[in-house]
């Protein structure tokens, strides 16, 4: 399939298509059986309990991926920005009862891709080999991201969760000043708390001289 030229820059930034030329990306989209779709804010891209036959690569917008705990509380698992993917492991493993669901945080454009042909024994071409390596790396990066999230969630207090999360964001930014990809409601869901508790703790940390912030821009002070 062919997609708008404005999306190719985004696709090149994706780990899945890293190192590929535009012509190779076009061939890769054929190999993945790509289909393109747009969604409005609040629309579900995938619902829990349903099999995920294709995984998503975000071309534009933001998608939030959630899972509910045993009490039915919504937990944010990931916030996906352009070039990012979601559902690749569930799709590859052919999980019949998917525990996650994906919702458009704004108007989004998504490429739906299937890995079914990627690892067939007759896929020995150079392009297929590149994509196999990139897809495997994609799964590895997803595991690391999940581990970072687990490190946050296992902390006993909300302050410790925030300290752990902010330290990781600071490390990724290479600076004590960084921007988080969440509003307060979404950030609270990611940390496993509610918005009121999060706002109170952020104010306390600011009063204690630990952080400074304005909206979703933060600075570690000590």
Protein backbone atom coordinates (compact mmCIF):
# COMPACT_ATOMS: atom_id res chain seq x y z
CA UNK A 1 0.00 0.00 0.00
CA UNK A 2 1.02 3.62 -0.44
CA UNK A 3 0.57 6.18 2.32
CA UNK A 4 0.87 9.94 2.36
CA UNK A 5 4.42 11.25 1.92
CA UNK A 6 4.04 13.26 5.15
CA UNK A 7 4.10 9.98 7.12
CA UNK A 8 7.37 8.56 5.78
CA UNK A 9 9.50 10.72 8.05
CA UNK A 10 7.59 9.29 11.01
CA UNK A 11 7.97 5.72 9.76
CA UNK A 12 11.72 6.16 9.41
CA UNK A 13 11.86 7.15 13.09
CA UNK A 14 10.15 3.92 14.07
CA UNK A 15 12.38 1.14 15.39
CA UNK A 16 10.50 -1.24 13.11
CA UNK A 17 11.67 0.54 9.94
CA UNK A 18 15.04 1.74 11.22
CA UNK A 19 17.70 1.87 8.48
CA UNK A 20 15.22 1.33 5.64
CA UNK A 21 14.95 3.45 2.50
CA UNK A 22 11.58 4.74 1.30
CA UNK A 23 11.35 2.02 -1.38
CA UNK A 24 12.15 -0.63 1.24
CA UNK A 25 9.46 0.77 3.54
CA UNK A 26 6.94 0.40 0.71
CA UNK A 27 7.95 -3.25 0.28
CA UNK A 28 7.86 -3.78 4.04
CA UNK A 29 4.29 -2.46 4.20
CA UNK A 30 3.32 -5.08 1.62
CA UNK A 31 5.04 -7.80 3.65
CA UNK A 32 3.15 -6.71 6.76
CA UNK A 33 -0.16 -6.55 4.88
CA UNK A 34 -0.52 -2.95 6.07
CA UNK A 35 -3.85 -1.17 6.30
CA UNK A 36 -4.37 2.49 7.20
CA UNK A 37 -7.11 3.96 9.38
CA UNK A 38 -7.90 7.17 11.24
CA UNK A 39 -9.70 7.42 14.59
CA UNK A 40 -11.33 10.26 16.51
CA UNK A 41 -10.48 11.21 20.10
CA UNK A 42 -12.02 8.77 22.58
CA UNK A 43 -12.53 6.06 19.97
CA UNK A 44 -11.31 2.56 20.83
CA UNK A 45 -8.76 1.04 18.49
CA UNK A 46 -8.85 -2.31 20.29
CA UNK A 47 -10.94 -3.71 23.15
CA UNK A 48 -9.94 -6.10 25.93
CA UNK A 49 -11.00 -9.71 25.48
CA UNK A 50 -10.62 -9.62 21.71
CA UNK A 51 -7.75 -11.19 19.74
CA UNK A 52 -5.32 -8.74 18.17
CA UNK A 53 -4.75 -9.91 14.60
CA UNK A 54 -2.63 -6.87 13.69
CA UNK A 55 -0.50 -4.56 15.79
CA UNK A 56 -0.56 -0.80 15.45
CA UNK A 57 2.12 1.65 14.35
CA UNK A 58 1.13 5.23 15.08
CA UNK A 59 1.57 7.62 12.15
CA UNK A 60 0.03 10.67 13.89
CA UNK A 61 -1.55 11.54 17.25
CA UNK A 62 -1.37 9.78 20.61
CA UNK A 63 -2.81 6.41 21.68
CA UNK A 64 -3.10 5.31 25.30
CA UNK A 65 -2.93 1.60 26.09
CA UNK A 66 -4.76 0.44 29.23
CA UNK A 67 -5.39 -2.70 31.27
CA UNK A 68 -7.87 -3.08 34.13
CA UNK A 69 -6.95 -4.62 37.49
CA UNK A 70 -9.10 -7.25 39.23
CA UNK A 71 -11.23 -4.48 40.75
CA UNK A 72 -11.93 -2.88 37.39
CA UNK A 73 -9.64 0.09 37.93
CA UNK A 74 -8.08 1.46 34.75
CA UNK A 75 -4.27 1.28 34.61
CA UNK A 76 -2.30 3.08 31.91
CA UNK A 77 0.30 0.71 30.49
CA UNK A 78 1.76 2.94 27.77
CA UNK A 79 1.24 6.18 25.91
CA UNK A 80 2.20 5.77 22.26
CA UNK A 81 3.40 8.70 20.14
CA UNK A 82 4.08 8.86 16.37
CA UNK A 83 6.56 6.18 15.30
CA UNK A 84 5.67 4.03 18.30
CA UNK A 85 3.85 0.70 18.24
CA UNK A 86 1.40 -1.19 20.43
CA UNK A 87 0.12 -4.75 20.65
CA UNK A 88 3.06 -6.33 18.79
CA UNK A 89 3.74 -9.05 21.40
CA UNK A 90 0.06 -10.01 21.75
CA UNK A 91 -0.27 -10.13 17.99
CA UNK A 92 2.89 -12.19 17.45
CA UNK A 93 1.95 -14.67 20.21
CA UNK A 94 -1.65 -14.85 18.91
CA UNK A 95 -3.13 -14.23 22.37
CA UNK A 96 -6.85 -14.95 22.04
CA UNK A 97 -8.02 -13.03 25.11
CA UNK A 98 -6.15 -9.73 25.02
CA UNK A 99 -5.88 -8.07 28.48
CA UNK A 100 -5.24 -4.61 27.05
CA UNK A 101 -7.30 -2.02 25.23
CA UNK A 102 -6.23 1.01 23.22
CA UNK A 103 -7.95 4.39 23.05
CA UNK A 104 -7.25 7.46 20.91
CA UNK A 105 -6.18 10.36 23.15
CA UNK A 106 -6.71 12.69 20.16
CA UNK A 107 -7.33 12.28 16.46
CA UNK A 108 -4.91 9.57 15.33
CA UNK A 109 -3.69 7.86 12.17
CA UNK A 110 -2.67 4.21 12.51
CA UNK A 111 -1.00 1.64 10.33
CA UNK A 112 -2.18 -1.87 11.19
CA UNK A 113 0.50 -4.49 10.52
CA UNK A 114 0.59 -8.29 10.65
CA UNK A 115 3.84 -10.19 11.43
CA UNK A 116 2.37 -13.44 10.05
CA UNK A 117 4.57 -13.57 6.92
CA UNK A 118 7.66 -12.08 8.54
CA UNK A 119 9.11 -15.20 10.14
CA UNK A 120 8.12 -17.78 7.54
CA UNK A 121 10.96 -20.09 6.57
CA UNK A 122 10.91 -18.84 2.97
CA UNK A 123 11.43 -15.21 4.02
CA UNK A 124 15.17 -15.24 3.47
CA UNK A 125 15.44 -11.98 1.58
CA UNK A 126 17.61 -9.19 2.94
CA UNK A 127 14.62 -6.95 3.62
CA UNK A 128 12.88 -9.68 5.59
CA UNK A 129 16.06 -10.28 7.60
CA UNK A 130 16.31 -6.56 8.44
CA UNK A 131 12.68 -6.48 9.52
CA UNK A 132 13.07 -9.62 11.62
CA UNK A 133 15.95 -7.99 13.52
CA UNK A 134 14.01 -4.74 13.93
CA UNK A 135 10.89 -6.55 15.11
CA UNK A 136 12.90 -8.56 17.65
CA UNK A 137 14.53 -5.33 18.87
CA UNK A 138 11.06 -3.80 19.14
CA UNK A 139 9.96 -6.60 21.46
CA UNK A 140 13.13 -6.18 23.53
CA UNK A 141 12.57 -2.43 23.92
CA UNK A 142 8.97 -3.12 24.96
CA UNK A 143 10.25 -5.47 27.67
CA UNK A 144 12.61 -2.78 28.97
CA UNK A 145 9.79 -0.21 29.02
CA UNK A 146 7.57 -2.62 30.96
CA UNK A 147 10.39 -3.20 33.44
CA UNK A 148 10.70 0.56 33.99
CA UNK A 149 6.98 0.72 34.67
CA UNK A 150 7.18 -2.20 37.10
CA UNK A 151 10.01 -0.46 38.95
CA UNK A 152 7.68 2.50 39.47
CA UNK A 153 4.62 0.51 40.48
CA UNK A 154 6.43 -1.65 43.05
CA UNK A 155 7.35 1.38 45.17
CA UNK A 156 5.19 1.55 48.30
CA UNK A 157 4.54 5.29 48.53
CA UNK A 158 3.35 7.70 45.86
CA UNK A 159 6.37 9.92 46.51
CA UNK A 160 8.74 7.03 45.88
CA UNK A 161 6.86 6.19 42.69
CA UNK A 162 7.24 9.77 41.51
CA UNK A 163 10.93 9.90 42.42
CA UNK A 164 11.57 6.68 40.49
CA UNK A 165 9.54 7.84 37.49
CA UNK A 166 11.12 11.31 37.40
CA UNK A 167 14.62 9.82 37.70
CA UNK A 168 13.97 7.65 34.64
CA UNK A 169 12.51 10.56 32.66
CA UNK A 170 15.52 12.69 33.60
CA UNK A 171 17.89 9.91 32.50
CA UNK A 172 16.12 9.59 29.13
CA UNK A 173 16.21 13.36 28.59
CA UNK A 174 19.84 13.64 29.71
CA UNK A 175 18.84 16.61 31.83
CA UNK A 176 17.29 17.49 35.17
CA UNK A 177 14.59 19.29 33.16
CA UNK A 178 12.21 17.12 31.15
CA UNK A 179 8.66 16.86 29.82
CA UNK A 180 6.33 14.01 30.70
CA UNK A 181 3.97 12.74 27.96
CA UNK A 182 0.91 12.81 30.24
CA UNK A 183 -1.69 15.19 31.59
CA UNK A 184 -2.45 14.80 35.31
CA UNK A 185 -5.29 12.32 34.84
CA UNK A 186 -3.24 10.07 32.59
CA UNK A 187 -0.15 10.38 34.77
CA UNK A 188 -2.17 9.33 37.81
CA UNK A 189 -3.39 6.26 35.93
CA UNK A 190 0.20 5.37 34.95
CA UNK A 191 1.28 5.60 38.60
CA UNK A 192 -1.68 3.61 39.90
CA UNK A 193 -3.27 6.45 41.88
CA UNK A 194 -5.93 9.14 41.41
CA UNK A 195 -5.59 12.71 40.19
CA UNK A 196 -6.30 14.36 43.56
CA UNK A 197 -3.65 12.30 45.38
CA UNK A 198 -1.14 13.00 42.60
CA UNK A 199 -1.75 16.76 42.68
CA UNK A 200 -1.36 16.85 46.48
CA UNK A 201 1.92 14.92 46.39
CA UNK A 202 3.37 17.04 43.60
CA UNK A 203 2.56 20.18 45.60
CA UNK A 204 4.23 18.69 48.69
CA UNK A 205 7.34 17.76 46.73
CA UNK A 206 7.48 21.28 45.29
CA UNK A 207 7.10 22.82 48.77
CA UNK A 208 9.86 20.51 50.04
CA UNK A 209 12.21 21.84 47.37
CA UNK A 210 12.49 18.54 45.50
CA UNK A 211 10.94 19.55 42.18
CA UNK A 212 9.60 22.45 40.23
CA UNK A 213 7.00 22.15 37.48
CA UNK A 214 4.66 23.93 35.13
CA UNK A 215 1.97 21.79 33.52
CA UNK A 216 3.84 18.72 32.18
CA UNK A 217 7.35 20.25 32.31
CA UNK A 218 9.35 19.22 35.39
CA UNK A 219 12.75 20.01 36.90
CA UNK A 220 14.52 17.97 39.57
CA UNK A 221 16.04 20.23 42.23
CA UNK A 222 17.68 17.57 44.37
